[in-house]
């Protein structure tokens, strides 16, 4: 029996298979918990597993996903890799745009030192909680938005800080790619 496809060519994977592989991958990361910061290097390692499932991303697709994931060399990634940093990270990850606010804080004059202070202080996470959950905190964010480096302080940065956010973006690409494979001549799908 002959097939029009090469016997070595894998069928395009179902999203559930990718999702399951990602859960296994991130579970194997040292001291990882859901909601933890994911680095560009971790995300890239995961993307490198996809060809085994029958999905090879184009270089431009992979780069578009990875450019909005912080590197392990990024200041917040370095801070969150410490014992106290992990505790702080796990607290702020629970708040709406918690990572975004920390990221924006580090862009302010003296912001990196302020983050170090917040991490050292067992209650330091409460500033991020206040900024994320209260009207006063949102007003503080508006005020910080007017200082150098604070533009759009209350707005999302566009970065994927967690596995869940990164995977949501990957799933969008999976849906687009699956549609293109089903209808390769459909111009509307190829332009999305």
N, C-alpha and C. Protein backbone atom coordinates (compact mmCIF):
# COMPACT_ATOMS: atom_id res chain seq x y z
N UNK A 1 0.85 -1.18 0.00
CA UNK A 1 0.00 0.00 0.00
C UNK A 1 0.88 1.22 0.00
N UNK A 2 0.63 2.12 -0.95
CA UNK A 2 1.45 3.33 -1.01
C UNK A 2 0.65 4.51 -0.49
N UNK A 3 1.37 5.44 0.04
CA UNK A 3 0.75 6.64 0.61
C UNK A 3 1.30 7.85 -0.11
N UNK A 4 0.49 8.90 -0.22
CA UNK A 4 0.95 10.11 -0.89
C UNK A 4 1.92 10.87 0.01
N UNK A 5 1.91 10.58 1.29
CA UNK A 5 2.84 11.23 2.21
C UNK A 5 3.97 10.27 2.53
N UNK A 6 5.13 10.83 2.76
CA UNK A 6 6.28 10.04 3.16
C UNK A 6 5.98 9.36 4.49
N UNK A 7 6.48 8.14 4.63
CA UNK A 7 6.23 7.43 5.89
C UNK A 7 6.94 8.10 7.06
N UNK A 8 7.94 8.94 6.76
CA UNK A 8 8.66 9.65 7.83
C UNK A 8 7.96 10.95 8.22
N UNK A 9 7.08 11.46 7.37
CA UNK A 9 6.41 12.72 7.66
C UNK A 9 5.31 12.48 8.70
N UNK A 10 5.39 13.24 9.78
CA UNK A 10 4.40 13.08 10.84
C UNK A 10 3.17 13.92 10.54
N UNK A 11 2.06 13.44 11.04
CA UNK A 11 0.81 14.18 10.95
C UNK A 11 0.91 15.40 11.87
N UNK A 12 0.30 16.51 11.46
CA UNK A 12 0.32 17.72 12.29
C UNK A 12 -0.32 17.39 13.64
N UNK A 13 0.32 17.77 14.74
CA UNK A 13 -0.15 17.34 16.07
C UNK A 13 -1.43 18.05 16.51
N UNK A 14 -2.18 17.35 17.32
CA UNK A 14 -3.34 17.96 17.98
C UNK A 14 -2.83 18.88 19.08
N UNK A 15 -3.59 19.92 19.37
CA UNK A 15 -3.17 20.85 20.42
C UNK A 15 -3.03 20.13 21.77
N UNK A 16 -3.92 19.19 22.05
CA UNK A 16 -3.86 18.47 23.33
C UNK A 16 -2.51 17.80 23.52
N UNK A 17 -1.91 17.29 22.44
CA UNK A 17 -0.61 16.64 22.54
C UNK A 17 0.49 17.65 22.88
N UNK A 18 0.41 18.83 22.27
CA UNK A 18 1.38 19.89 22.56
C UNK A 18 1.21 20.36 24.01
N UNK A 19 -0.03 20.54 24.41
CA UNK A 19 -0.33 21.00 25.77
C UNK A 19 0.18 19.99 26.81
N UNK A 20 -0.03 18.72 26.55
CA UNK A 20 0.44 17.67 27.45
C UNK A 20 1.97 17.66 27.53
N UNK A 21 2.61 17.81 26.38
CA UNK A 21 4.07 17.85 26.34
C UNK A 21 4.60 19.06 27.11
N UNK A 22 3.89 20.18 27.00
CA UNK A 22 4.34 21.38 27.71
C UNK A 22 4.21 21.19 29.22
N UNK A 23 3.13 20.57 29.65
CA UNK A 23 2.95 20.32 31.09
C UNK A 23 4.10 19.45 31.61
N UNK A 24 4.44 18.41 30.86
CA UNK A 24 5.56 17.54 31.25
C UNK A 24 6.88 18.32 31.25
N UNK A 25 7.09 19.13 30.22
CA UNK A 25 8.33 19.89 30.09
C UNK A 25 8.52 20.83 31.27
N UNK A 26 7.50 21.63 31.55
CA UNK A 26 7.66 22.62 32.62
C UNK A 26 7.70 21.97 34.00
N UNK A 27 7.03 20.85 34.17
CA UNK A 27 7.09 20.11 35.44
C UNK A 27 8.53 19.66 35.73
N UNK A 28 9.28 19.38 34.67
CA UNK A 28 10.66 18.91 34.82
C UNK A 28 11.65 20.05 35.10
N UNK A 29 11.22 21.30 34.98
CA UNK A 29 12.12 22.42 35.26
C UNK A 29 12.36 22.49 36.77
N UNK A 30 13.58 22.79 37.14
CA UNK A 30 13.95 22.83 38.56
C UNK A 30 13.09 23.82 39.33
N UNK A 31 12.47 23.35 40.40
CA UNK A 31 11.69 24.16 41.33
C UNK A 31 10.59 24.98 40.64
N UNK A 32 10.05 24.44 39.56
CA UNK A 32 9.00 25.15 38.81
C UNK A 32 7.63 24.91 39.42
N UNK A 33 6.84 25.97 39.49
CA UNK A 33 5.43 25.88 39.86
C UNK A 33 4.63 26.65 38.81
N UNK A 34 3.40 26.21 38.52
CA UNK A 34 2.57 26.98 37.58
C UNK A 34 2.46 28.43 38.03
N UNK A 35 2.60 29.34 37.09
CA UNK A 35 2.56 30.77 37.40
C UNK A 35 3.95 31.38 37.54
N UNK A 36 4.99 30.53 37.65
CA UNK A 36 6.35 31.04 37.74
C UNK A 36 6.76 31.71 36.43
N UNK A 37 7.73 32.59 36.54
CA UNK A 37 8.29 33.23 35.36
C UNK A 37 8.95 32.18 34.48
N UNK A 38 8.66 32.25 33.20
CA UNK A 38 9.29 31.37 32.21
C UNK A 38 10.25 32.24 31.39
N UNK A 39 11.45 31.73 31.16
CA UNK A 39 12.44 32.51 30.41
C UNK A 39 12.43 32.14 28.93
N UNK A 40 13.02 33.01 28.16
CA UNK A 40 13.15 32.79 26.72
C UNK A 40 13.87 31.46 26.46
N UNK A 41 14.89 31.19 27.25
CA UNK A 41 15.67 29.96 27.05
C UNK A 41 14.81 28.72 27.29
N UNK A 42 13.96 28.75 28.31
CA UNK A 42 13.06 27.62 28.56
C UNK A 42 12.05 27.48 27.43
N UNK A 43 11.48 28.60 27.00
CA UNK A 43 10.50 28.57 25.92
C UNK A 43 11.13 28.04 24.64
N UNK A 44 12.36 28.45 24.38
CA UNK A 44 13.06 27.99 23.18
C UNK A 44 13.33 26.49 23.25
N UNK A 45 13.71 26.00 24.42
CA UNK A 45 13.92 24.55 24.59
C UNK A 45 12.64 23.80 24.28
N UNK A 46 11.52 24.34 24.75
CA UNK A 46 10.25 23.67 24.48
C UNK A 46 9.93 23.70 22.98
N UNK A 47 10.12 24.83 22.33
CA UNK A 47 9.85 24.91 20.89
C UNK A 47 10.71 23.93 20.11
N UNK A 48 11.92 23.68 20.60
CA UNK A 48 12.81 22.72 19.93
C UNK A 48 12.31 21.29 20.01
N UNK A 49 11.34 21.02 20.89
CA UNK A 49 10.74 19.68 20.99
C UNK A 49 9.63 19.46 19.97
N UNK A 50 9.08 20.54 19.43
CA UNK A 50 7.91 20.42 18.56
C UNK A 50 8.12 19.59 17.30
N UNK A 51 9.29 19.63 16.64
CA UNK A 51 9.45 18.79 15.45
C UNK A 51 9.22 17.30 15.71
N UNK A 52 9.50 16.84 16.92
CA UNK A 52 9.26 15.43 17.26
C UNK A 52 7.77 15.11 17.22
N UNK A 53 6.93 16.14 17.33
CA UNK A 53 5.48 15.95 17.28
C UNK A 53 4.92 16.20 15.88
N UNK A 54 5.80 16.60 14.95
CA UNK A 54 5.35 16.85 13.59
C UNK A 54 5.08 18.31 13.28
N UNK A 55 5.60 19.20 14.10
CA UNK A 55 5.38 20.64 13.87
C UNK A 55 6.71 21.37 13.98
N UNK A 56 7.18 21.85 12.86
CA UNK A 56 8.40 22.65 12.84
C UNK A 56 8.02 24.09 12.55
N UNK A 57 8.31 24.96 13.48
CA UNK A 57 7.99 26.37 13.30
C UNK A 57 8.98 27.01 12.33
N UNK A 58 8.50 27.97 11.58
CA UNK A 58 9.39 28.79 10.75
C UNK A 58 10.21 29.65 11.71
N UNK A 59 11.43 30.01 11.28
CA UNK A 59 12.29 30.82 12.14
C UNK A 59 11.58 32.10 12.58
N UNK A 60 10.89 32.75 11.66
CA UNK A 60 10.20 34.01 11.98
C UNK A 60 9.08 33.78 12.99
N UNK A 61 8.41 32.64 12.91
CA UNK A 61 7.34 32.33 13.87
C UNK A 61 7.92 32.13 15.27
N UNK A 62 9.01 31.36 15.34
CA UNK A 62 9.64 31.11 16.63
C UNK A 62 10.16 32.42 17.23
N UNK A 63 10.79 33.23 16.40
CA UNK A 63 11.33 34.50 16.91
C UNK A 63 10.22 35.42 17.38
N UNK A 64 9.11 35.45 16.67
CA UNK A 64 7.98 36.30 17.08
C UNK A 64 7.45 35.86 18.45
N UNK A 65 7.44 34.57 18.71
CA UNK A 65 7.00 34.07 20.02
C UNK A 65 8.03 34.40 21.10
N UNK A 66 9.30 34.22 20.77
CA UNK A 66 10.35 34.35 21.78
C UNK A 66 10.75 35.78 22.09
N UNK A 67 10.52 36.70 21.15
CA UNK A 67 10.98 38.07 21.38
C UNK A 67 10.24 38.74 22.55
N UNK A 68 9.10 38.23 22.92
CA UNK A 68 8.34 38.79 24.04
C UNK A 68 8.33 37.85 25.24
N UNK A 69 9.45 37.14 25.44
CA UNK A 69 9.68 36.32 26.63
C UNK A 69 11.03 36.79 27.19
N UNK A 70 11.09 37.09 28.48
CA UNK A 70 12.34 37.63 29.03
C UNK A 70 13.44 36.58 29.07
N UNK A 71 14.65 37.03 28.80
CA UNK A 71 15.81 36.15 28.86
C UNK A 71 16.17 35.86 30.31
N UNK A 72 16.86 34.75 30.53
CA UNK A 72 17.33 34.44 31.88
C UNK A 72 18.34 35.48 32.36
N UNK A 73 18.88 36.27 31.44
CA UNK A 73 19.83 37.33 31.79
C UNK A 73 19.11 38.63 32.16
N UNK A 74 17.81 38.70 31.91
CA UNK A 74 17.03 39.90 32.22
C UNK A 74 17.02 40.10 33.73
N UNK A 75 17.00 41.35 34.15
CA UNK A 75 17.07 41.68 35.57
C UNK A 75 16.00 40.96 36.40
N UNK A 76 14.74 40.98 35.94
CA UNK A 76 13.71 40.34 36.77
C UNK A 76 13.90 38.82 36.84
N UNK A 77 14.36 38.22 35.77
CA UNK A 77 14.62 36.77 35.79
C UNK A 77 15.73 36.45 36.79
N UNK A 78 16.76 37.28 36.80
CA UNK A 78 17.85 37.05 37.75
C UNK A 78 17.36 37.22 39.19
N UNK A 79 16.56 38.24 39.43
CA UNK A 79 16.05 38.48 40.78
C UNK A 79 15.12 37.36 41.23
N UNK A 80 14.31 36.86 40.31
CA UNK A 80 13.35 35.82 40.67
C UNK A 80 13.98 34.44 40.78
N UNK A 81 15.26 34.33 40.47
CA UNK A 81 15.92 33.03 40.59
C UNK A 81 16.49 32.80 41.99
N UNK A 82 16.45 33.84 42.83
CA UNK A 82 16.94 33.70 44.21
C UNK A 82 15.82 33.13 45.10
N UNK A 83 16.19 32.67 46.28
CA UNK A 83 15.20 32.11 47.21
C UNK A 83 14.12 33.15 47.54
N UNK A 84 14.53 34.34 47.96
CA UNK A 84 13.56 35.38 48.29
C UNK A 84 12.83 35.87 47.04
N UNK A 85 13.54 35.90 45.92
CA UNK A 85 12.93 36.32 44.66
C UNK A 85 11.81 35.39 44.23
N UNK A 86 12.01 34.09 44.44
CA UNK A 86 10.96 33.12 44.10
C UNK A 86 9.71 33.33 44.97
N UNK A 87 9.93 33.57 46.25
CA UNK A 87 8.78 33.82 47.15
C UNK A 87 8.01 35.05 46.67
N UNK A 88 8.74 36.10 46.37
CA UNK A 88 8.12 37.34 45.90
C UNK A 88 7.38 37.10 44.58
N UNK A 89 8.05 36.43 43.65
CA UNK A 89 7.47 36.13 42.33
C UNK A 89 6.16 35.36 42.48
N UNK A 90 6.16 34.38 43.34
CA UNK A 90 4.96 33.54 43.49
C UNK A 90 3.81 34.31 44.13
N UNK A 91 4.11 35.34 44.88
CA UNK A 91 3.05 36.20 45.42
C UNK A 91 2.51 37.11 44.32
N UNK A 92 3.42 37.82 43.62
CA UNK A 92 2.95 38.82 42.65
C UNK A 92 2.33 38.19 41.41
N UNK A 93 2.66 36.93 41.15
CA UNK A 93 2.09 36.26 39.97
C UNK A 93 0.58 36.07 40.10
N UNK A 94 0.07 36.19 41.32
CA UNK A 94 -1.36 36.01 41.56
C UNK A 94 -2.18 37.25 41.24
N UNK A 95 -1.50 38.38 41.04
CA UNK A 95 -2.23 39.64 40.85
C UNK A 95 -2.33 40.00 39.38
N UNK A 96 -3.43 40.66 39.00
CA UNK A 96 -3.58 41.07 37.60
C UNK A 96 -2.41 41.95 37.17
N UNK A 97 -1.76 41.56 36.11
CA UNK A 97 -0.61 42.28 35.56
C UNK A 97 0.52 42.46 36.58
N UNK A 98 0.63 41.53 37.51
CA UNK A 98 1.68 41.60 38.52
C UNK A 98 3.07 41.63 37.91
N UNK A 99 3.32 40.73 36.97
CA UNK A 99 4.62 40.71 36.31
C UNK A 99 4.84 41.99 35.51
N UNK A 100 3.79 42.45 34.84
CA UNK A 100 3.91 43.67 34.03
C UNK A 100 4.33 44.85 34.91
N UNK A 101 3.70 44.96 36.07
CA UNK A 101 4.01 46.08 36.97
C UNK A 101 5.45 46.00 37.48
N UNK A 102 5.90 44.80 37.82
CA UNK A 102 7.29 44.64 38.26
C UNK A 102 8.23 45.00 37.11
N UNK A 103 7.93 44.52 35.92
CA UNK A 103 8.77 44.81 34.76
C UNK A 103 8.84 46.32 34.53
N UNK A 104 7.70 46.98 34.59
CA UNK A 104 7.68 48.44 34.39
C UNK A 104 8.40 49.17 35.53
N UNK A 105 8.26 48.67 36.74
CA UNK A 105 8.95 49.27 37.88
C UNK A 105 10.46 49.31 37.64
N UNK A 106 11.01 48.25 37.08
CA UNK A 106 12.46 48.19 36.86
C UNK A 106 12.92 49.17 35.79
N UNK A 107 11.99 49.70 35.01
CA UNK A 107 12.34 50.70 34.00
C UNK A 107 12.40 52.12 34.55
N UNK A 108 11.94 52.31 35.78
CA UNK A 108 11.97 53.63 36.41
C UNK A 108 13.35 53.90 37.00
N UNK A 109 13.69 55.18 37.13
CA UNK A 109 14.94 55.54 37.79
C UNK A 109 14.90 54.99 39.22
N UNK A 110 15.88 54.20 39.58
CA UNK A 110 15.93 53.58 40.90
C UNK A 110 15.03 52.37 41.05
N UNK A 111 14.35 51.99 39.97
CA UNK A 111 13.39 50.89 40.03
C UNK A 111 14.00 49.53 40.31
N UNK A 112 15.19 49.30 39.79
CA UNK A 112 15.84 48.01 40.03
C UNK A 112 16.20 47.86 41.51
N UNK A 113 16.71 48.94 42.09
CA UNK A 113 17.03 48.91 43.52
C UNK A 113 15.75 48.74 44.34
N UNK A 114 14.69 49.41 43.91
CA UNK A 114 13.41 49.30 44.62
C UNK A 114 12.91 47.85 44.59
N UNK A 115 13.04 47.19 43.43
CA UNK A 115 12.62 45.79 43.34
C UNK A 115 13.44 44.92 44.29
N UNK A 116 14.73 45.15 44.36
CA UNK A 116 15.57 44.38 45.29
C UNK A 116 15.09 44.57 46.73
N UNK A 117 14.73 45.82 47.07
CA UNK A 117 14.21 46.10 48.42
C UNK A 117 12.90 45.36 48.66
N UNK A 118 12.02 45.39 47.67
CA UNK A 118 10.72 44.71 47.81
C UNK A 118 10.91 43.21 48.00
N UNK A 119 11.86 42.65 47.29
CA UNK A 119 12.13 41.21 47.40
C UNK A 119 12.69 40.87 48.78
N UNK A 120 13.57 41.72 49.30
CA UNK A 120 14.16 41.48 50.64
C UNK A 120 13.12 41.61 51.75
N UNK A 121 12.14 42.48 51.55
CA UNK A 121 11.10 42.72 52.56
C UNK A 121 10.05 41.63 52.45
N UNK A 122 9.81 40.84 53.52
CA UNK A 122 8.81 39.77 53.44
C UNK A 122 7.42 40.24 53.00
N UNK A 123 7.10 41.50 53.25
CA UNK A 123 5.80 42.04 52.83
C UNK A 123 5.90 42.91 51.58
N UNK A 124 7.04 42.87 50.92
CA UNK A 124 7.27 43.72 49.75
C UNK A 124 6.28 43.51 48.62
N UNK A 125 5.79 42.31 48.50
CA UNK A 125 4.83 41.99 47.44
C UNK A 125 3.55 42.81 47.58
N UNK A 126 3.29 43.32 48.79
CA UNK A 126 2.05 44.04 49.03
C UNK A 126 1.96 45.33 48.22
N UNK A 127 3.10 45.92 47.85
CA UNK A 127 3.07 47.10 46.99
C UNK A 127 2.49 46.73 45.63
N UNK A 128 2.91 45.60 45.09
CA UNK A 128 2.40 45.15 43.78
C UNK A 128 0.92 44.78 43.92
N UNK A 129 0.57 44.14 45.01
CA UNK A 129 -0.84 43.82 45.26
C UNK A 129 -1.67 45.11 45.29
N UNK A 130 -1.19 46.11 46.01
CA UNK A 130 -1.88 47.39 46.11
C UNK A 130 -2.05 48.02 44.72
N UNK A 131 -0.97 48.00 43.95
CA UNK A 131 -1.01 48.61 42.62
C UNK A 131 -1.96 47.86 41.68
N UNK A 132 -2.07 46.57 41.87
CA UNK A 132 -2.88 45.74 40.98
C UNK A 132 -4.35 45.70 41.36
N UNK A 133 -4.63 45.82 42.65
CA UNK A 133 -6.00 45.53 43.10
C UNK A 133 -6.79 46.73 43.61
N UNK A 134 -6.12 47.84 43.90
CA UNK A 134 -6.86 48.96 44.49
C UNK A 134 -6.92 50.16 43.54
N UNK A 135 -7.93 50.98 43.73
CA UNK A 135 -8.03 52.21 42.93
C UNK A 135 -6.84 53.13 43.22
N UNK A 136 -6.44 53.21 44.49
CA UNK A 136 -5.28 54.03 44.85
C UNK A 136 -4.02 53.54 44.16
N UNK A 137 -3.87 52.23 44.08
CA UNK A 137 -2.70 51.66 43.40
C UNK A 137 -2.72 51.95 41.91
N UNK A 138 -3.89 51.90 41.32
CA UNK A 138 -4.01 52.22 39.89
C UNK A 138 -3.70 53.69 39.66
N UNK A 139 -4.13 54.54 40.60
CA UNK A 139 -3.81 55.97 40.50
C UNK A 139 -2.30 56.19 40.65
N UNK A 140 -1.67 55.43 41.54
CA UNK A 140 -0.22 55.50 41.68
C UNK A 140 0.44 55.12 40.36
N UNK A 141 -0.07 54.09 39.71
CA UNK A 141 0.45 53.68 38.40
C UNK A 141 0.31 54.79 37.37
N UNK A 142 -0.81 55.50 37.41
CA UNK A 142 -1.00 56.64 36.49
C UNK A 142 0.03 57.72 36.77
N UNK A 143 0.27 57.99 38.04
CA UNK A 143 1.28 58.98 38.43
C UNK A 143 2.66 58.54 37.95
N UNK A 144 2.99 57.27 38.17
CA UNK A 144 4.29 56.75 37.73
C UNK A 144 4.42 56.79 36.21
N UNK A 145 3.28 56.73 35.53
CA UNK A 145 3.29 56.81 34.07
C UNK A 145 3.76 58.15 33.56
N UNK A 146 3.77 59.16 34.42
CA UNK A 146 4.19 60.49 33.99
C UNK A 146 5.68 60.75 34.24
N UNK A 147 6.37 59.82 34.90
CA UNK A 147 7.80 60.02 35.13
C UNK A 147 8.61 59.29 34.06
N UNK A 148 9.87 59.69 33.92
CA UNK A 148 10.73 59.08 32.91
C UNK A 148 10.83 57.57 33.11
N UNK A 149 10.55 56.82 32.05
CA UNK A 149 10.59 55.36 32.10
C UNK A 149 9.30 54.71 32.57
N UNK A 150 8.30 55.53 32.92
CA UNK A 150 7.07 54.98 33.47
C UNK A 150 5.89 54.97 32.52
N UNK A 151 6.13 55.30 31.26
CA UNK A 151 5.04 55.36 30.29
C UNK A 151 4.21 54.08 30.30
N UNK A 152 2.89 54.23 30.29
CA UNK A 152 1.96 53.09 30.24
C UNK A 152 2.14 52.14 31.43
N UNK A 153 2.46 52.68 32.59
CA UNK A 153 2.78 51.84 33.75
C UNK A 153 1.70 50.82 34.06
N UNK A 154 0.44 51.19 33.96
CA UNK A 154 -0.65 50.27 34.29
C UNK A 154 -1.02 49.32 33.15
N UNK A 155 -0.41 49.50 32.00
CA UNK A 155 -0.77 48.69 30.83
C UNK A 155 0.08 47.43 30.74
N UNK A 156 -0.43 46.41 30.09
CA UNK A 156 0.38 45.20 29.86
C UNK A 156 1.61 45.54 29.03
N UNK A 157 2.70 44.86 29.28
CA UNK A 157 3.93 45.08 28.52
C UNK A 157 3.93 44.35 27.19
N UNK A 158 3.08 43.34 27.07
CA UNK A 158 3.08 42.52 25.86
C UNK A 158 3.95 41.28 26.00
N UNK A 159 4.63 41.14 27.13
CA UNK A 159 5.48 39.97 27.34
C UNK A 159 4.66 38.79 27.84
N UNK A 160 5.13 37.60 27.51
CA UNK A 160 4.56 36.36 28.04
C UNK A 160 5.46 35.96 29.20
N UNK A 161 4.97 36.13 30.41
CA UNK A 161 5.79 35.87 31.60
C UNK A 161 5.63 34.44 32.12
N UNK A 162 4.52 33.82 31.82
CA UNK A 162 4.24 32.48 32.37
C UNK A 162 4.08 31.46 31.25
N UNK A 163 4.17 30.20 31.61
CA UNK A 163 3.95 29.14 30.63
C UNK A 163 2.55 29.25 30.04
N UNK A 164 1.57 29.58 30.86
CA UNK A 164 0.19 29.67 30.38
C UNK A 164 0.05 30.74 29.30
N UNK A 165 0.66 31.90 29.51
CA UNK A 165 0.58 32.98 28.53
C UNK A 165 1.35 32.61 27.26
N UNK A 166 2.53 32.04 27.43
CA UNK A 166 3.33 31.62 26.28
C UNK A 166 2.56 30.57 25.47
N UNK A 167 1.96 29.61 26.16
CA UNK A 167 1.22 28.55 25.46
C UNK A 167 -0.03 29.07 24.78
N UNK A 168 -0.66 30.09 25.33
CA UNK A 168 -1.83 30.68 24.67
C UNK A 168 -1.41 31.28 23.32
N UNK A 169 -0.24 31.90 23.28
CA UNK A 169 0.27 32.46 22.02
C UNK A 169 0.65 31.34 21.05
N UNK A 170 1.25 30.30 21.59
CA UNK A 170 1.61 29.15 20.75
C UNK A 170 0.35 28.48 20.21
N UNK A 171 -0.69 28.41 21.02
CA UNK A 171 -1.95 27.82 20.56
C UNK A 171 -2.56 28.64 19.42
N UNK A 172 -2.49 29.96 19.51
CA UNK A 172 -2.97 30.81 18.41
C UNK A 172 -2.24 30.47 17.12
N UNK A 173 -0.92 30.29 17.22
CA UNK A 173 -0.13 29.93 16.04
C UNK A 173 -0.50 28.53 15.56
N UNK A 174 -0.76 27.62 16.48
CA UNK A 174 -1.15 26.25 16.13
C UNK A 174 -2.45 26.27 15.33
N UNK A 175 -3.42 27.04 15.79
CA UNK A 175 -4.72 27.14 15.10
C UNK A 175 -4.51 27.70 13.69
N UNK A 176 -3.72 28.75 13.58
CA UNK A 176 -3.44 29.37 12.28
C UNK A 176 -2.73 28.38 11.34
N UNK A 177 -1.74 27.68 11.88
CA UNK A 177 -0.97 26.72 11.07
C UNK A 177 -1.85 25.55 10.63
N UNK A 178 -2.68 25.06 11.53
CA UNK A 178 -3.59 23.95 11.19
C UNK A 178 -4.54 24.37 10.08
N UNK A 179 -5.06 25.59 10.17
CA UNK A 179 -5.98 26.09 9.13
C UNK A 179 -5.26 26.21 7.79
N UNK A 180 -4.02 26.68 7.81
CA UNK A 180 -3.25 26.81 6.57
C UNK A 180 -2.95 25.44 5.97
N UNK A 181 -2.70 24.46 6.80
CA UNK A 181 -2.43 23.11 6.29
C UNK A 181 -3.68 22.47 5.69
N UNK A 182 -4.84 22.77 6.28
CA UNK A 182 -6.09 22.22 5.74
C UNK A 182 -6.46 22.89 4.43
N UNK A 183 -6.19 24.17 4.32
CA UNK A 183 -6.55 24.94 3.13
C UNK A 183 -5.34 25.72 2.63
N UNK A 184 -4.34 25.04 2.07
CA UNK A 184 -3.10 25.72 1.68
C UNK A 184 -3.30 26.80 0.62
N UNK A 185 -4.38 26.74 -0.14
CA UNK A 185 -4.60 27.74 -1.18
C UNK A 185 -5.52 28.86 -0.73
N UNK A 186 -5.96 28.81 0.51
CA UNK A 186 -6.86 29.83 1.05
C UNK A 186 -6.04 31.07 1.41
N UNK A 187 -6.16 32.10 0.61
CA UNK A 187 -5.37 33.32 0.79
C UNK A 187 -5.67 34.01 2.13
N UNK A 188 -6.91 33.93 2.58
CA UNK A 188 -7.29 34.58 3.84
C UNK A 188 -6.51 33.97 5.00
N UNK A 189 -6.37 32.65 5.05
CA UNK A 189 -5.64 32.00 6.13
C UNK A 189 -4.15 32.32 6.08
N UNK A 190 -3.60 32.44 4.88
CA UNK A 190 -2.16 32.65 4.78
C UNK A 190 -1.76 34.07 5.14
N UNK A 191 -2.71 35.00 5.17
CA UNK A 191 -2.40 36.39 5.51
C UNK A 191 -2.56 36.68 6.99
N UNK A 192 -3.20 35.82 7.73
CA UNK A 192 -3.44 36.08 9.16
C UNK A 192 -2.17 35.98 9.95
